PDB file of N, CA and C in Angstrom:
ATOM      1  N   UNK A   1     223.505  14.930-165.619  1.00  0.00           N
ATOM      2  CA  UNK A   1     222.763  15.864-164.817  1.00  0.00           C
ATOM      3  C   UNK A   1     223.709  16.500-163.789  1.00  0.00           C
ATOM      4  N   UNK A   2     223.749  17.849-163.687  1.00  0.00           N
ATOM      5  CA  UNK A   2     224.654  18.505-162.748  1.00  0.00           C
ATOM      6  C   UNK A   2     224.249  18.217-161.300  1.00  0.00           C
ATOM      7  N   UNK A   3     225.283  18.132-160.448  1.00  0.00           N
ATOM      8  CA  UNK A   3     225.038  17.880-159.030  1.00  0.00           C
ATOM      9  C   UNK A   3     224.460  19.128-158.371  1.00  0.00           C
ATOM     10  N   UNK A   4     223.471  18.943-157.522  1.00  0.00           N
ATOM     11  CA  UNK A   4     222.843  20.060-156.822  1.00  0.00           C
ATOM     12  C   UNK A   4     223.631  20.362-155.555  1.00  0.00           C
ATOM     13  N   UNK A   5     224.000  21.618-155.371  1.00  0.00           N
ATOM     14  CA  UNK A   5     224.721  22.044-154.178  1.00  0.00           C
ATOM     15  C   UNK A   5     223.739  22.192-153.030  1.00  0.00           C
ATOM     16  N   UNK A   6     223.938  21.401-151.969  1.00  0.00           N
ATOM     17  CA  UNK A   6     223.028  21.433-150.833  1.00  0.00           C
ATOM     18  C   UNK A   6     223.575  22.227-149.660  1.00  0.00           C
ATOM     19  N   UNK A   7     224.813  22.653-149.725  1.00  0.00           N
ATOM     20  CA  UNK A   7     225.405  23.391-148.613  1.00  0.00           C
ATOM     21  C   UNK A   7     224.813  24.789-148.541  1.00  0.00           C
ATOM     22  N   UNK A   8     224.570  25.230-147.305  1.00  0.00           N
ATOM     23  CA  UNK A   8     223.992  26.561-147.134  1.00  0.00           C
ATOM     24  C   UNK A   8     225.056  27.625-146.883  1.00  0.00           C
ATOM     25  N   UNK A   9     226.313  27.208-146.673  1.00  0.00           N
ATOM     26  CA  UNK A   9     227.389  28.174-146.443  1.00  0.00           C
ATOM     27  C   UNK A   9     228.498  27.965-147.461  1.00  0.00           C
ATOM     28  N   UNK A  10     229.174  29.034-147.795  1.00  0.00           N
ATOM     29  CA  UNK A  10     230.253  28.988-148.775  1.00  0.00           C
ATOM     30  C   UNK A  10     231.492  28.322-148.176  1.00  0.00           C
ATOM     31  N   UNK A  11     232.177  27.514-148.973  1.00  0.00           N
ATOM     32  CA  UNK A  11     233.412  26.843-148.541  1.00  0.00           C
ATOM     33  C   UNK A  11     234.610  27.564-149.144  1.00  0.00           C
ATOM     34  N   UNK A  12     235.682  27.644-148.341  1.00  0.00           N
ATOM     35  CA  UNK A  12     236.906  28.309-148.764  1.00  0.00           C
ATOM     36  C   UNK A  12     238.033  27.283-148.807  1.00  0.00           C
ATOM     37  N   UNK A  13     238.783  27.208-149.894  1.00  0.00           N
ATOM     38  CA  UNK A  13     239.834  26.200-150.042  1.00  0.00           C
ATOM     39  C   UNK A  13     241.105  26.599-149.275  1.00  0.00           C
ATOM     40  N   UNK A  14     241.116  26.368-147.973  1.00  0.00           N
ATOM     41  CA  UNK A  14     242.269  26.693-147.139  1.00  0.00           C
ATOM     42  C   UNK A  14     242.931  25.412-146.653  1.00  0.00           C
ATOM     43  N   UNK A  15     244.245  25.326-146.822  1.00  0.00           N
ATOM     44  CA  UNK A  15     245.000  24.179-146.345  1.00  0.00           C
ATOM     45  C   UNK A  15     245.776  24.614-145.099  1.00  0.00           C
ATOM     46  N   UNK A  16     245.255  24.235-143.943  1.00  0.00           N
ATOM     47  CA  UNK A  16     245.824  24.647-142.666  1.00  0.00           C
ATOM     48  C   UNK A  16     246.109  23.425-141.796  1.00  0.00           C
ATOM     49  N   UNK A  17     247.195  23.468-141.003  1.00  0.00           N
ATOM     50  CA  UNK A  17     247.480  22.363-140.088  1.00  0.00           C
ATOM     51  C   UNK A  17     246.383  22.240-139.028  1.00  0.00           C
ATOM     52  N   UNK A  18     245.990  21.006-138.730  1.00  0.00           N
ATOM     53  CA  UNK A  18     244.954  20.763-137.721  1.00  0.00           C
ATOM     54  C   UNK A  18     245.367  19.569-136.869  1.00  0.00           C
ATOM     55  N   UNK A  19     245.101  19.664-135.579  1.00  0.00           N
ATOM     56  CA  UNK A  19     245.243  18.545-134.654  1.00  0.00           C
ATOM     57  C   UNK A  19     243.857  18.231-134.124  1.00  0.00           C
ATOM     58  N   UNK A  20     243.587  16.950-133.876  1.00  0.00           N
ATOM     59  CA  UNK A  20     242.264  16.589-133.368  1.00  0.00           C
ATOM     60  C   UNK A  20     242.393  15.513-132.299  1.00  0.00           C
ATOM     61  N   UNK A  21     241.375  15.495-131.446  1.00  0.00           N
ATOM     62  CA  UNK A  21     241.339  14.524-130.349  1.00  0.00           C
ATOM     63  C   UNK A  21     239.886  14.202-130.047  1.00  0.00           C
ATOM     64  N   UNK A  22     239.596  12.917-129.830  1.00  0.00           N
ATOM     65  CA  UNK A  22     238.245  12.501-129.452  1.00  0.00           C
ATOM     66  C   UNK A  22     237.911  13.087-128.091  1.00  0.00           C
ATOM     67  N   UNK A  23     236.673  13.531-127.913  1.00  0.00           N
ATOM     68  CA  UNK A  23     236.269  14.137-126.645  1.00  0.00           C
ATOM     69  C   UNK A  23     235.718  13.110-125.666  1.00  0.00           C
ATOM     70  N   UNK A  24     235.497  11.895-126.112  1.00  0.00           N
ATOM     71  CA  UNK A  24     234.999  10.841-125.239  1.00  0.00           C
ATOM     72  C   UNK A  24     236.123  10.338-124.335  1.00  0.00           C
ATOM     73  N   UNK A  25     235.838  10.197-123.042  1.00  0.00           N
ATOM     74  CA  UNK A  25     236.825   9.682-122.098  1.00  0.00           C
ATOM     75  C   UNK A  25     237.140   8.218-122.372  1.00  0.00           C
ATOM     76  N   UNK A  26     236.241   7.505-123.023  1.00  0.00           N
ATOM     77  CA  UNK A  26     236.434   6.085-123.315  1.00  0.00           C
ATOM     78  C   UNK A  26     237.276   5.834-124.564  1.00  0.00           C
ATOM     79  N   UNK A  27     237.524   6.854-125.366  1.00  0.00           N
ATOM     80  CA  UNK A  27     238.229   6.677-126.626  1.00  0.00           C
ATOM     81  C   UNK A  27     239.488   7.542-126.644  1.00  0.00           C
ATOM     82  N   UNK A  28     240.634   6.961-126.915  1.00  0.00           N
ATOM     83  CA  UNK A  28     241.896   7.705-126.931  1.00  0.00           C
ATOM     84  C   UNK A  28     242.383   7.883-128.362  1.00  0.00           C
ATOM     85  N   UNK A  29     241.621   8.579-129.160  1.00  0.00           N
ATOM     86  CA  UNK A  29     241.973   8.846-130.547  1.00  0.00           C
ATOM     87  C   UNK A  29     242.487  10.273-130.660  1.00  0.00           C
ATOM     88  N   UNK A  30     243.637  10.427-131.289  1.00  0.00           N
ATOM     89  CA  UNK A  30     244.140  11.760-131.606  1.00  0.00           C
ATOM     90  C   UNK A  30     244.947  11.654-132.889  1.00  0.00           C
ATOM     91  N   UNK A  31     245.097  12.781-133.575  1.00  0.00           N
ATOM     92  CA  UNK A  31     245.837  12.757-134.821  1.00  0.00           C
ATOM     93  C   UNK A  31     246.087  14.149-135.357  1.00  0.00           C
ATOM     94  N   UNK A  32     246.748  14.175-136.508  1.00  0.00           N
ATOM     95  CA  UNK A  32     247.059  15.424-137.206  1.00  0.00           C
ATOM     96  C   UNK A  32     246.570  15.299-138.639  1.00  0.00           C
ATOM     97  N   UNK A  33     246.277  16.443-139.224  1.00  0.00           N
ATOM     98  CA  UNK A  33     245.857  16.461-140.611  1.00  0.00           C
ATOM     99  C   UNK A  33     245.984  17.853-141.179  1.00  0.00           C
ATOM    100  N   UNK A  34     245.273  18.078-142.256  1.00  0.00           N
ATOM    101  CA  UNK A  34     245.273  19.378-142.919  1.00  0.00           C
ATOM    102  C   UNK A  34     243.877  19.646-143.449  1.00  0.00           C
ATOM    103  N   UNK A  35     243.392  20.864-143.219  1.00  0.00           N
ATOM    104  CA  UNK A  35     242.090  21.204-143.767  1.00  0.00           C
ATOM    105  C   UNK A  35     242.196  21.262-145.291  1.00  0.00           C
ATOM    106  N   UNK A  36     241.137  20.862-145.959  1.00  0.00           N
ATOM    107  CA  UNK A  36     241.044  20.982-147.412  1.00  0.00           C
ATOM    108  C   UNK A  36     240.142  22.151-147.788  1.00  0.00           C
ATOM    109  N   UNK A  37     239.083  22.327-146.989  1.00  0.00           N
ATOM    110  CA  UNK A  37     238.234  23.506-147.141  1.00  0.00           C
ATOM    111  C   UNK A  37     237.531  23.778-145.821  1.00  0.00           C
ATOM    112  N   UNK A  38     237.088  25.029-145.679  1.00  0.00           N
ATOM    113  CA  UNK A  38     236.498  25.511-144.425  1.00  0.00           C
ATOM    114  C   UNK A  38     235.275  26.358-144.747  1.00  0.00           C
ATOM    115  N   UNK A  39     234.246  26.219-143.920  1.00  0.00           N
ATOM    116  CA  UNK A  39     233.097  27.119-143.967  1.00  0.00           C
ATOM    117  C   UNK A  39     232.773  27.518-142.538  1.00  0.00           C
ATOM    118  N   UNK A  40     231.793  28.366-142.373  1.00  0.00           N
ATOM    119  CA  UNK A  40     231.388  28.763-141.024  1.00  0.00           C
ATOM    120  C   UNK A  40     230.677  27.630-140.301  1.00  0.00           C
ATOM    121  N   UNK A  41     230.287  26.583-141.032  1.00  0.00           N
ATOM    122  CA  UNK A  41     229.553  25.475-140.432  1.00  0.00           C
ATOM    123  C   UNK A  41     230.367  24.193-140.303  1.00  0.00           C
ATOM    124  N   UNK A  42     231.497  24.075-141.026  1.00  0.00           N
ATOM    125  CA  UNK A  42     232.247  22.831-140.958  1.00  0.00           C
ATOM    126  C   UNK A  42     233.573  22.884-141.676  1.00  0.00           C
ATOM    127  N   UNK A  43     234.308  21.752-141.601  1.00  0.00           N
ATOM    128  CA  UNK A  43     235.614  21.620-142.216  1.00  0.00           C
ATOM    129  C   UNK A  43     235.724  20.262-142.898  1.00  0.00           C
ATOM    130  N   UNK A  44     236.500  20.220-143.973  1.00  0.00           N
ATOM    131  CA  UNK A  44     236.885  18.961-144.599  1.00  0.00           C
ATOM    132  C   UNK A  44     238.364  18.794-144.307  1.00  0.00           C
ATOM    133  N   UNK A  45     238.740  17.644-143.704  1.00  0.00           N
ATOM    134  CA  UNK A  45     240.095  17.432-143.219  1.00  0.00           C
ATOM    135  C   UNK A  45     240.696  16.197-143.868  1.00  0.00           C
ATOM    136  N   UNK A  46     241.909  16.342-144.412  1.00  0.00           N
ATOM    137  CA  UNK A  46     242.665  15.206-144.934  1.00  0.00           C
ATOM    138  C   UNK A  46     243.514  14.665-143.800  1.00  0.00           C
ATOM    139  N   UNK A  47     243.459  13.348-143.606  1.00  0.00           N
ATOM    140  CA  UNK A  47     244.239  12.715-142.544  1.00  0.00           C
ATOM    141  C   UNK A  47     244.433  11.246-142.877  1.00  0.00           C
ATOM    142  N   UNK A  48     245.648  10.725-142.636  1.00  0.00           N
ATOM    143  CA  UNK A  48     245.881   9.309-142.911  1.00  0.00           C
ATOM    144  C   UNK A  48     245.213   8.380-141.895  1.00  0.00           C
ATOM    145  N   UNK A  49     244.827   8.936-140.755  1.00  0.00           N
ATOM    146  CA  UNK A  49     244.185   8.123-139.719  1.00  0.00           C
ATOM    147  C   UNK A  49     242.675   8.135-139.922  1.00  0.00           C
ATOM    148  N   UNK A  50     242.084   6.970-139.995  1.00  0.00           N
ATOM    149  CA  UNK A  50     240.645   6.883-140.190  1.00  0.00           C
ATOM    150  C   UNK A  50     239.868   7.227-138.930  1.00  0.00           C
ATOM    151  N   UNK A  51     238.805   7.957-139.098  1.00  0.00           N
ATOM    152  CA  UNK A  51     237.877   8.258-138.004  1.00  0.00           C
ATOM    153  C   UNK A  51     236.496   7.804-138.448  1.00  0.00           C
ATOM    154  N   UNK A  52     235.628   7.573-137.510  1.00  0.00           N
ATOM    155  CA  UNK A  52     234.300   7.075-137.886  1.00  0.00           C
ATOM    156  C   UNK A  52     233.240   8.175-137.773  1.00  0.00           C
ATOM    157  N   UNK A  53     232.230   8.027-138.582  1.00  0.00           N
ATOM    158  CA  UNK A  53     231.104   8.957-138.578  1.00  0.00           C
ATOM    159  C   UNK A  53     230.437   8.956-137.202  1.00  0.00           C
ATOM    160  N   UNK A  54     230.024  10.136-136.755  1.00  0.00           N
ATOM    161  CA  UNK A  54     229.362  10.285-135.462  1.00  0.00           C
ATOM    162  C   UNK A  54     230.304  10.615-134.316  1.00  0.00           C
ATOM    163  N   UNK A  55     231.606  10.440-134.529  1.00  0.00           N
ATOM    164  CA  UNK A  55     232.596  10.712-133.484  1.00  0.00           C
ATOM    165  C   UNK A  55     232.658  12.205-133.185  1.00  0.00           C
ATOM    166  N   UNK A  56     232.774  12.556-131.917  1.00  0.00           N
ATOM    167  CA  UNK A  56     232.942  13.957-131.520  1.00  0.00           C
ATOM    168  C   UNK A  56     234.422  14.234-131.307  1.00  0.00           C
ATOM    169  N   UNK A  57     234.894  15.335-131.930  1.00  0.00           N
ATOM    170  CA  UNK A  57     236.306  15.688-131.879  1.00  0.00           C
ATOM    171  C   UNK A  57     236.503  17.122-131.408  1.00  0.00           C
ATOM    172  N   UNK A  58     237.608  17.343-130.706  1.00  0.00           N
ATOM    173  CA  UNK A  58     238.075  18.694-130.407  1.00  0.00           C
ATOM    174  C   UNK A  58     239.165  18.993-131.431  1.00  0.00           C
ATOM    175  N   UNK A  59     239.043  20.110-132.138  1.00  0.00           N
ATOM    176  CA  UNK A  59     239.978  20.500-133.187  1.00  0.00           C
ATOM    177  C   UNK A  59     240.794  21.713-132.774  1.00  0.00           C
ATOM    178  N   UNK A  60     242.068  21.730-133.154  1.00  0.00           N
ATOM    179  CA  UNK A  60     242.935  22.894-133.015  1.00  0.00           C
ATOM    180  C   UNK A  60     243.484  23.196-134.410  1.00  0.00           C
ATOM    181  N   UNK A  61     243.053  24.303-134.998  1.00  0.00           N
ATOM    182  CA  UNK A  61     243.470  24.676-136.346  1.00  0.00           C
ATOM    183  C   UNK A  61     244.346  25.917-136.258  1.00  0.00           C
ATOM    184  N   UNK A  62     245.547  25.842-136.864  1.00  0.00           N
ATOM    185  CA  UNK A  62     246.412  27.026-136.911  1.00  0.00           C
ATOM    186  C   UNK A  62     245.814  28.017-137.895  1.00  0.00           C
ATOM    187  N   UNK A  63     245.483  29.208-137.409  1.00  0.00           N
ATOM    188  CA  UNK A  63     244.827  30.217-138.235  1.00  0.00           C
ATOM    189  C   UNK A  63     245.886  31.019-138.983  1.00  0.00           C
ATOM    190  N   UNK A  64     245.660  31.353-140.257  1.00  0.00           N
ATOM    191  CA  UNK A  64     246.703  32.011-141.056  1.00  0.00           C
ATOM    192  C   UNK A  64     246.859  33.513-140.814  1.00  0.00           C
ATOM    193  N   UNK A  65     245.948  34.129-140.099  1.00  0.00           N
ATOM    194  CA  UNK A  65     246.038  35.556-139.849  1.00  0.00           C
ATOM    195  C   UNK A  65     246.507  35.821-138.431  1.00  0.00           C
ATOM    196  N   UNK A  66     247.238  36.923-138.249  1.00  0.00           N
ATOM    197  CA  UNK A  66     247.765  37.306-136.948  1.00  0.00           C
ATOM    198  C   UNK A  66     246.867  38.347-136.299  1.00  0.00           C
ATOM    199  N   UNK A  67     246.720  38.245-134.997  1.00  0.00           N
ATOM    200  CA  UNK A  67     246.006  39.264-134.225  1.00  0.00           C
ATOM    201  C   UNK A  67     246.943  40.445-134.046  1.00  0.00           C
ATOM    202  N   UNK A  68     246.506  41.629-134.408  1.00  0.00           N
ATOM    203  CA  UNK A  68     247.319  42.849-134.323  1.00  0.00           C
ATOM    204  C   UNK A  68     248.647  42.716-135.061  1.00  0.00           C
ATOM    205  N   UNK A  69     248.657  41.967-136.147  1.00  0.00           N
ATOM    206  CA  UNK A  69     249.837  41.760-136.995  1.00  0.00           C
ATOM    207  C   UNK A  69     251.021  41.098-136.294  1.00  0.00           C
ATOM    208  N   UNK A  70     250.809  40.483-135.113  1.00  0.00           N
ATOM    209  CA  UNK A  70     251.956  39.865-134.441  1.00  0.00           C
ATOM    210  C   UNK A  70     251.638  38.620-133.618  1.00  0.00           C
ATOM    211  N   UNK A  71     250.394  38.423-133.217  1.00  0.00           N
ATOM    212  CA  UNK A  71     250.073  37.304-132.336  1.00  0.00           C
ATOM    213  C   UNK A  71     249.375  36.191-133.116  1.00  0.00           C
ATOM    214  N   UNK A  72     249.993  34.989-133.150  1.00  0.00           N
ATOM    215  CA  UNK A  72     249.345  33.862-133.835  1.00  0.00           C
ATOM    216  C   UNK A  72     248.020  33.478-133.171  1.00  0.00           C
ATOM    217  N   UNK A  73     247.095  33.013-133.979  1.00  0.00           N
ATOM    218  CA  UNK A  73     245.785  32.577-133.497  1.00  0.00           C
ATOM    219  C   UNK A  73     245.568  31.111-133.843  1.00  0.00           C
ATOM    220  N   UNK A  74     244.701  30.478-133.086  1.00  0.00           N
ATOM    221  CA  UNK A  74     244.243  29.140-133.429  1.00  0.00           C
ATOM    222  C   UNK A  74     242.739  29.079-133.233  1.00  0.00           C
ATOM    223  N   UNK A  75     242.110  28.292-134.080  1.00  0.00           N
ATOM    224  CA  UNK A  75     240.683  28.032-133.970  1.00  0.00           C
ATOM    225  C   UNK A  75     240.535  26.763-133.141  1.00  0.00           C
ATOM    226  N   UNK A  76     239.796  26.859-132.033  1.00  0.00           N
ATOM    227  CA  UNK A  76     239.502  25.718-131.174  1.00  0.00           C
ATOM    228  C   UNK A  76     238.030  25.398-131.386  1.00  0.00           C
ATOM    229  N   UNK A  77     237.722  24.140-131.721  1.00  0.00           N
ATOM    230  CA  UNK A  77     236.337  23.799-132.050  1.00  0.00           C
ATOM    231  C   UNK A  77     235.943  22.448-131.478  1.00  0.00           C
ATOM    232  N   UNK A  78     234.694  22.362-131.059  1.00  0.00           N
ATOM    233  CA  UNK A  78     234.053  21.097-130.732  1.00  0.00           C
ATOM    234  C   UNK A  78     233.261  20.731-131.979  1.00  0.00           C
ATOM    235  N   UNK A  79     233.417  19.497-132.453  1.00  0.00           N
ATOM    236  CA  UNK A  79     232.812  19.119-133.733  1.00  0.00           C
ATOM    237  C   UNK A  79     232.301  17.686-133.693  1.00  0.00           C
ATOM    238  N   UNK A  80     231.576  17.343-134.750  1.00  0.00           N
ATOM    239  CA  UNK A  80     231.058  15.984-134.919  1.00  0.00           C
ATOM    240  C   UNK A  80     231.343  15.550-136.352  1.00  0.00           C
ATOM    241  N   UNK A  81     231.875  14.342-136.514  1.00  0.00           N
ATOM    242  CA  UNK A  81     232.188  13.803-137.840  1.00  0.00           C
ATOM    243  C   UNK A  81     230.879  13.419-138.530  1.00  0.00           C
ATOM    244  N   UNK A  82     230.633  13.996-139.706  1.00  0.00           N
ATOM    245  CA  UNK A  82     229.396  13.725-140.445  1.00  0.00           C
ATOM    246  C   UNK A  82     229.624  12.846-141.675  1.00  0.00           C
ATOM    247  N   UNK A  83     230.904  12.737-142.101  1.00  0.00           N
ATOM    248  CA  UNK A  83     231.228  11.899-143.250  1.00  0.00           C
ATOM    249  C   UNK A  83     232.699  11.533-143.143  1.00  0.00           C
ATOM    250  N   UNK A  84     233.038  10.286-143.486  1.00  0.00           N
ATOM    251  CA  UNK A  84     234.435   9.858-143.377  1.00  0.00           C
ATOM    252  C   UNK A  84     234.744   8.764-144.384  1.00  0.00           C
ATOM    253  N   UNK A  85     235.988   8.790-144.882  1.00  0.00           N
ATOM    254  CA  UNK A  85     236.518   7.674-145.659  1.00  0.00           C
ATOM    255  C   UNK A  85     237.970   7.472-145.230  1.00  0.00           C
ATOM    256  N   UNK A  86     238.740   6.679-145.959  1.00  0.00           N
ATOM    257  CA  UNK A  86     240.089   6.306-145.533  1.00  0.00           C
ATOM    258  C   UNK A  86     241.077   7.474-145.487  1.00  0.00           C
ATOM    259  N   UNK A  87     240.860   8.522-146.272  1.00  0.00           N
ATOM    260  CA  UNK A  87     241.851   9.598-146.355  1.00  0.00           C
ATOM    261  C   UNK A  87     241.356  10.971-145.921  1.00  0.00           C
ATOM    262  N   UNK A  88     240.066  11.119-145.653  1.00  0.00           N
ATOM    263  CA  UNK A  88     239.547  12.427-145.247  1.00  0.00           C
ATOM    264  C   UNK A  88     238.238  12.261-144.489  1.00  0.00           C
ATOM    265  N   UNK A  89     237.891  13.325-143.752  1.00  0.00           N
ATOM    266  CA  UNK A  89     236.609  13.322-143.052  1.00  0.00           C
ATOM    267  C   UNK A  89     236.071  14.745-142.961  1.00  0.00           C
ATOM    268  N   UNK A  90     234.754  14.846-142.863  1.00  0.00           N
ATOM    269  CA  UNK A  90     234.084  16.135-142.765  1.00  0.00           C
ATOM    270  C   UNK A  90     233.458  16.253-141.382  1.00  0.00           C
ATOM    271  N   UNK A  91     233.577  17.444-140.792  1.00  0.00           N
ATOM    272  CA  UNK A  91     232.977  17.686-139.486  1.00  0.00           C
ATOM    273  C   UNK A  91     232.044  18.881-139.565  1.00  0.00           C
ATOM    274  N   UNK A  92     231.050  18.866-138.713  1.00  0.00           N
ATOM    275  CA  UNK A  92     230.199  20.027-138.518  1.00  0.00           C
ATOM    276  C   UNK A  92     230.636  20.669-137.203  1.00  0.00           C
ATOM    277  N   UNK A  93     230.702  21.980-137.176  1.00  0.00           N
ATOM    278  CA  UNK A  93     231.139  22.691-135.977  1.00  0.00           C
ATOM    279  C   UNK A  93     229.962  22.890-135.038  1.00  0.00           C
ATOM    280  N   UNK A  94     230.133  22.480-133.798  1.00  0.00           N
ATOM    281  CA  UNK A  94     229.089  22.661-132.799  1.00  0.00           C
ATOM    282  C   UNK A  94     229.353  23.898-131.948  1.00  0.00           C
ATOM    283  N   UNK A  95     230.606  24.113-131.584  1.00  0.00           N
ATOM    284  CA  UNK A  95     231.042  25.317-130.863  1.00  0.00           C
ATOM    285  C   UNK A  95     232.460  25.627-131.302  1.00  0.00           C
ATOM    286  N   UNK A  96     232.791  26.916-131.372  1.00  0.00           N
ATOM    287  CA  UNK A  96     234.175  27.261-131.687  1.00  0.00           C
ATOM    288  C   UNK A  96     234.524  28.632-131.140  1.00  0.00           C
ATOM    289  N   UNK A  97     235.838  28.846-130.985  1.00  0.00           N
ATOM    290  CA  UNK A  97     236.356  30.136-130.545  1.00  0.00           C
ATOM    291  C   UNK A  97     237.788  30.289-131.049  1.00  0.00           C
ATOM    292  N   UNK A  98     238.236  31.523-131.119  1.00  0.00           N
ATOM    293  CA  UNK A  98     239.619  31.799-131.485  1.00  0.00           C
ATOM    294  C   UNK A  98     240.397  32.084-130.210  1.00  0.00           C
ATOM    295  N   UNK A  99     241.621  31.545-130.143  1.00  0.00           N
ATOM    296  CA  UNK A  99     242.507  31.782-129.007  1.00  0.00           C
ATOM    297  C   UNK A  99     243.872  32.189-129.539  1.00  0.00           C
ATOM    298  N   UNK A 100     244.588  32.939-128.720  1.00  0.00           N
ATOM    299  CA  UNK A 100     245.955  33.278-129.098  1.00  0.00           C
ATOM    300  C   UNK A 100     246.829  32.049-128.914  1.00  0.00           C
ATOM    301  N   UNK A 101     247.913  32.026-129.665  1.00  0.00           N
ATOM    302  CA  UNK A 101     248.813  30.882-129.662  1.00  0.00           C
ATOM    303  C   UNK A 101     250.248  31.385-129.547  1.00  0.00           C
ATOM    304  N   UNK A 102     251.097  30.607-128.920  1.00  0.00           N
ATOM    305  CA  UNK A 102     252.497  31.008-128.761  1.00  0.00           C
ATOM    306  C   UNK A 102     253.325  30.724-130.005  1.00  0.00           C
ATOM    307  N   UNK A 103     252.880  29.762-130.809  1.00  0.00           N
ATOM    308  CA  UNK A 103     253.690  29.384-131.962  1.00  0.00           C
ATOM    309  C   UNK A 103     252.814  29.123-133.176  1.00  0.00           C
ATOM    310  N   UNK A 104     253.490  29.083-134.304  1.00  0.00           N
ATOM    311  CA  UNK A 104     252.835  28.754-135.555  1.00  0.00           C
ATOM    312  C   UNK A 104     253.826  27.935-136.362  1.00  0.00           C
ATOM    313  N   UNK A 105     253.380  26.832-136.963  1.00  0.00           N
ATOM    314  CA  UNK A 105     254.309  25.934-137.651  1.00  0.00           C
ATOM    315  C   UNK A 105     254.867  26.532-138.938  1.00  0.00           C
ATOM    316  N   UNK A 106     254.135  27.436-139.569  1.00  0.00           N
ATOM    317  CA  UNK A 106     254.606  28.058-140.804  1.00  0.00           C
ATOM    318  C   UNK A 106     254.412  29.569-140.702  1.00  0.00           C
ATOM    319  N   UNK A 107     255.351  30.354-141.234  1.00  0.00           N
ATOM    320  CA  UNK A 107     255.179  31.802-141.184  1.00  0.00           C
ATOM    321  C   UNK A 107     253.999  32.256-142.025  1.00  0.00           C
ATOM    322  N   UNK A 108     253.395  33.355-141.627  1.00  0.00           N
ATOM    323  CA  UNK A 108     252.271  33.920-142.368  1.00  0.00           C
ATOM    324  C   UNK A 108     252.809  34.684-143.563  1.00  0.00           C
ATOM    325  N   UNK A 109     252.306  34.374-144.735  1.00  0.00           N
ATOM    326  CA  UNK A 109     252.692  35.054-145.959  1.00  0.00           C
ATOM    327  C   UNK A 109     251.766  36.256-146.153  1.00  0.00           C
ATOM    328  N   UNK A 110     252.291  37.454-145.942  1.00  0.00           N
ATOM    329  CA  UNK A 110     251.460  38.668-146.000  1.00  0.00           C
ATOM    330  C   UNK A 110     250.937  38.931-147.409  1.00  0.00           C
ATOM    331  N   UNK A 111     251.599  38.405-148.444  1.00  0.00           N
ATOM    332  CA  UNK A 111     251.079  38.576-149.809  1.00  0.00           C
ATOM    333  C   UNK A 111     249.879  37.679-150.032  1.00  0.00           C
ATOM    334  N   UNK A 112     249.909  36.499-149.423  1.00  0.00           N
ATOM    335  CA  UNK A 112     248.787  35.579-149.576  1.00  0.00           C
ATOM    336  C   UNK A 112     247.603  35.996-148.720  1.00  0.00           C
ATOM    337  N   UNK A 113     247.858  36.543-147.554  1.00  0.00           N
ATOM    338  CA  UNK A 113     246.803  36.930-146.613  1.00  0.00           C
ATOM    339  C   UNK A 113     246.912  38.436-146.334  1.00  0.00           C
ATOM    340  N   UNK A 114     246.509  39.265-147.289  1.00  0.00           N
ATOM    341  CA  UNK A 114     246.650  40.708-147.098  1.00  0.00           C
ATOM    342  C   UNK A 114     245.758  41.227-145.976  1.00  0.00           C
ATOM    343  N   UNK A 115     246.265  42.203-145.278  1.00  0.00           N
ATOM    344  CA  UNK A 115     245.481  42.862-144.224  1.00  0.00           C
ATOM    345  C   UNK A 115     244.732  44.012-144.876  1.00  0.00           C
ATOM    346  N   UNK A 116     243.423  44.060-144.681  1.00  0.00           N
ATOM    347  CA  UNK A 116     242.627  45.143-145.255  1.00  0.00           C
ATOM    348  C   UNK A 116     242.410  46.207-144.205  1.00  0.00           C
ATOM    349  N   UNK A 117     242.446  47.427-144.614  1.00  0.00           N
ATOM    350  CA  UNK A 117     242.287  48.542-143.675  1.00  0.00           C
ATOM    351  C   UNK A 117     240.847  48.975-143.566  1.00  0.00           C
TER     352      UNK A 117
END
């Protein structure tokens, strides 16, 4: 029997660098990973560090597109872990915004991310 898709938003297979940190003052968890897919409602993140379901995280994702073709962007998000295992976890986005960034770990490939007019 085929699996029923329950997601209400489309997921995009983007592999982007992400840093995360627990927002609780009582918990000092932080780490790095890579997104496996992204939607407007959440992200699936691969990370060697285990996180637990229900944890609230602040995410910094390096965005692959440049503002005005020259300024790097990052997605800053407040999120909650909704599913987790030893190698990956899924978060739902509660709030997010784009901010300019001074650096980017990898150059933007204009062939992969074409600018539309």
